[in-house]
Each structure stands twice: as structure tokens, then as C-alpha cells.
Protein backbone atom coordinates (compact mmCIF):
# COMPACT_ATOMS: atom_id res chain seq x y z
CA MET A 1 9.26 0.18 29.32
CA LEU A 2 9.47 -1.97 26.22
CA LYS A 3 11.29 0.81 24.37
CA SER A 4 13.81 1.20 27.18
CA LEU A 5 14.43 -2.57 27.23
CA MET A 6 14.95 -2.57 23.47
CA ALA A 7 17.31 0.40 23.71
CA ALA A 8 19.32 -1.31 26.47
CA LYS A 9 19.58 -4.52 24.42
CA ALA A 10 20.68 -2.53 21.36
CA LYS A 11 23.29 -0.72 23.43
CA GLU A 12 24.67 -4.03 24.75
CA ASP A 13 24.80 -5.46 21.22
CA LEU A 14 26.60 -2.39 19.97
CA GLU A 15 29.19 -2.54 22.75
CA GLN A 16 29.75 -6.24 22.13
CA GLU A 17 30.17 -5.57 18.41
CA LEU A 18 32.78 -2.89 19.13
CA VAL A 19 34.71 -5.27 21.40
CA GLU A 20 34.67 -7.95 18.70
CA LYS A 21 35.96 -5.48 16.12
CA GLU A 22 38.83 -4.47 18.41
CA GLU A 23 39.73 -8.14 18.94
CA GLN A 24 39.69 -8.80 15.20
CA LYS A 25 41.86 -5.73 14.59
CA ALA A 26 44.40 -6.83 17.20
CA LYS A 27 44.49 -10.37 15.78
CA TYR A 28 45.00 -9.03 12.24
CA LEU A 29 47.83 -6.75 13.36
CA GLU A 30 49.57 -9.61 15.17
CA GLU A 31 49.42 -11.76 12.05
CA LYS A 32 50.55 -9.06 9.60
CA SER A 33 53.12 -7.27 11.70
CA PRO A 34 55.22 -9.52 13.91
CA PRO A 35 57.12 -7.78 16.70
CA VAL A 36 60.43 -6.31 15.58
CA GLN A 37 63.52 -7.56 17.42
CA THR A 38 66.08 -4.82 17.63
CA SER A 39 68.20 -6.24 20.40
CA GLY A 40 71.56 -7.54 19.34
CA LEU A 41 71.59 -5.75 15.97
CA SER A 42 74.39 -3.50 14.80
CA LEU A 43 73.86 0.06 13.64
CA ALA A 44 74.05 -0.89 9.93
CA GLU A 45 71.49 -3.67 10.40
CA LEU A 46 69.14 -1.28 12.23
CA GLN A 47 69.44 1.26 9.37
CA GLU A 48 68.73 -1.51 6.85
CA LEU A 49 65.65 -2.59 8.84
CA CYS A 50 64.42 1.01 8.96
CA GLU A 51 64.83 1.35 5.18
CA GLU A 52 62.80 -1.84 4.61
CA LEU A 53 60.06 -0.61 6.92
CA HIS A 54 59.98 2.78 5.16
CA THR A 55 59.64 1.15 1.72
CA LYS A 56 56.76 -0.99 3.03
CA ILE A 57 55.12 2.12 4.51
CA ASP A 58 55.49 3.94 1.18
CA VAL A 59 53.84 1.05 -0.70
CA VAL A 60 50.94 0.98 1.76
CA ASP A 61 50.53 4.77 1.55
CA GLU A 62 50.42 4.60 -2.26
CA GLU A 63 47.76 1.90 -2.15
CA ARG A 64 45.76 3.88 0.41
CA TYR A 65 45.99 7.02 -1.75
CA ASP A 66 44.87 5.11 -4.86
CA ILE A 67 41.90 3.61 -3.01
CA GLU A 68 40.90 7.01 -1.60
CA ALA A 69 41.05 8.52 -5.11
CA LYS A 70 38.82 5.73 -6.46
CA VAL A 71 36.34 6.23 -3.62
CA LEU A 72 36.18 9.99 -4.22
CA HIS A 73 35.70 9.44 -7.95
CA ASN A 74 32.90 6.95 -7.35
CA THR A 75 31.13 9.20 -4.84
CA ARG A 76 31.25 12.11 -7.32
CA GLU A 77 29.89 9.86 -10.05
CA ILE A 78 27.08 8.66 -7.77
CA LYS A 79 26.16 12.25 -6.89
CA ASP A 80 26.12 13.23 -10.58
CA LEU A 81 23.92 10.28 -11.48
CA ASN A 82 21.53 11.09 -8.62
CA ILE A 83 21.28 14.68 -9.87
CA LYS A 84 20.57 13.44 -13.42
CA VAL A 85 17.86 11.10 -12.12
CA GLN A 86 16.21 13.94 -10.19
CA ASP A 87 16.38 16.18 -13.25
CA LEU A 88 14.75 13.52 -15.40
CA ARG A 89 12.00 12.99 -12.83
CA GLY A 90 11.25 16.69 -12.81
CA LYS A 91 11.38 17.08 -16.59
CA PHE A 92 8.80 14.50 -17.60
CA LYS A 93 5.37 15.01 -16.18
CA ARG A 94 3.04 12.08 -16.30
CA PRO A 95 0.05 12.87 -18.50
CA ASN A 96 -3.45 12.62 -17.15
CA LEU A 97 -4.94 9.41 -18.39
CA ARG A 98 -8.21 9.70 -20.26
CA ARG A 99 -11.01 7.21 -20.19
CA VAL A 100 -11.33 5.67 -23.65
CA ARG A 101 -14.53 4.05 -24.80
CA VAL A 102 -13.94 1.01 -26.94
CA SER A 103 -16.68 -1.08 -28.45
CA ALA A 104 -16.93 -4.78 -27.75
CA ASP A 105 -16.15 -5.52 -31.40
CA ALA A 106 -12.92 -3.53 -31.18
CA ILE A 107 -11.90 -5.37 -27.99
CA LEU A 108 -12.54 -8.74 -29.62
CA ARG A 109 -10.59 -7.70 -32.72
CA SER A 110 -7.64 -6.64 -30.61
CA LEU A 111 -7.73 -9.86 -28.59
CA LEU A 112 -8.37 -12.32 -31.41
CA GLY A 113 -6.60 -10.49 -34.19
CA SER A 114 -7.89 -9.24 -37.52
CA LYS A 115 -8.25 -12.75 -39.00
CA HIS A 116 -11.28 -13.66 -36.89
CA LYS A 117 -14.42 -11.69 -37.61
CA VAL A 118 -16.57 -11.96 -34.53
CA SER A 119 -19.28 -9.45 -33.90
CA MET A 120 -20.77 -9.23 -30.52
CA ASP A 121 -23.95 -7.22 -30.63
CA LEU A 122 -24.78 -6.71 -27.00
CA ARG A 123 -27.86 -4.63 -27.71
CA ALA A 124 -29.55 -7.50 -29.52
CA ASN A 125 -29.39 -9.57 -26.35
CA LEU A 126 -31.12 -6.93 -24.24
CA LYS A 127 -34.78 -7.30 -23.36
CA SER A 128 -37.03 -5.01 -25.33
CA VAL A 129 -39.65 -2.95 -23.54
CA LYS A 130 -42.92 -2.32 -25.28
CA LYS A 131 -43.51 1.39 -25.52
CA GLU A 132 -47.29 1.04 -25.47
CA ASP A 133 -47.27 -0.52 -21.99
CA ALA A 134 -45.03 2.19 -20.65
CA GLU A 135 -47.26 4.92 -22.11
CA LYS A 136 -50.41 3.38 -20.60
CA GLU A 137 -48.80 3.27 -17.16
CA LYS A 138 -47.80 6.88 -17.46
CA THR A 139 -51.25 8.03 -18.46
CA VAL A 140 -52.88 6.19 -15.59
CA GLU A 141 -50.51 7.68 -13.06
CA VAL A 142 -50.59 11.19 -14.46
CA SER A 143 -54.36 11.66 -14.50
CA ASP A 144 -55.64 14.92 -13.16
CA TRP A 145 -56.14 14.50 -9.43
CA ARG A 146 -58.25 17.62 -9.02
CA LYS A 147 -61.22 16.19 -10.89
CA ASN A 148 -61.91 13.35 -8.50
CA VAL A 149 -61.05 14.93 -5.16
CA GLU A 150 -64.62 15.12 -3.97
CA ALA A 151 -65.62 11.79 -5.50
CA MET A 152 -62.75 9.93 -3.87
CA SER A 153 -63.06 11.53 -0.47
CA GLY A 154 -64.47 9.50 2.39
CA MET A 155 -64.99 5.77 2.66
CA GLU A 156 -66.91 5.49 -0.60
CA GLY A 157 -63.97 6.86 -2.59
CA ARG A 158 -61.62 4.37 -1.03
CA LYS A 159 -64.02 1.55 -1.84
CA LYS A 160 -64.08 2.69 -5.47
CA MET A 161 -60.27 2.69 -5.58
CA PHE A 162 -60.19 -0.77 -4.04
CA ASP A 163 -62.73 -2.10 -6.54
CA ALA A 164 -60.83 -0.51 -9.47
CA ALA A 165 -57.55 -2.08 -8.38
CA LYS A 166 -59.27 -5.46 -7.90
CA GLY A 167 -60.76 -5.28 -11.40
CA GLN A 168 -57.36 -4.56 -13.06
CA ASN A 169 -55.69 -7.52 -11.36
CA GLN A 170 -58.33 -10.02 -12.55
């Protein structure tokens, strides 16, 4: 329903616009071409009037022809330029961009220039992990589970595990 209302409103606006254009055209013609009075004129005067009107018509036709020629020339030029643009778009393919790794020092040099020597060693600021601790944890976790299956089974085995964990924490 909304679409039909919008279409009806657009139709009314279009009709009103056409009526306004017709009124403007009639007003323009009344201003530019006053009514010709032929009553009471002799044959020579009528021929003279016709010659004047024909010269005016010829001038208007020449202007119209010149304007049409300019329009045709411009439309051809626009079409040619559009074709050139399409050709250029097709000719140059955009390259695939590659990810470039740049060090922090290189970024700072490019930002600050070559005069300033600033080194930013990011790895020095990182926390270091002791390898010994990591190895101990691995050995504890990777112990052979098959050796203690029977010893750890049942409630006594769980008590041993609980006591072992309690001893490590203290």
C-alpha cells in the first residue's frame, strides 16, 4: 500500500511538473514572438515581413545546427574517454600485496629519520623462563605410569598422592 501511495504521489508530481513546463513554454513564446498583425498591410509590406521572418528563421536554424554539432562532438568525446578508461582499468591488474616483516628498529628509523639512533630491543624486555624449572616439571609429569599402577590403586594410593602433593606445596 505504501508503494502504491508513493507511486501515486510521484505520478501527481510528474503531471504537475509537465503542466508547469507547458506554462513556462507558452510564457516564453509570448515574450519572444509577439503576434503578427497582417491586417491592413499591402502586398509589398507582407512580402517584406515574410523576408524578415525567413532571415530570423535561418539564423535560428544555424544556431540550432551549431549547437547540435557541438553536442554530437561532445558525446563522441565522452564515449571515447569512457572506452579509454575501461581499457586502462583492464590493462593494469592490481598486484597481490605481500606481508612485509619490518623490525622495530627499522620502523623507528623510518619514523624518526636517520639522524636519531634509537634501538628498541623488545626481546630484552621479555621475561626469561628458567629452563631447569621447565625440565623438572616435564620429568615429573612424564614419569612412567605403568610402574605404580598397583601401588596407586585403591584408597591407599590416593592417600599417597595426596600426601605427596601436600609435601611439595609446603
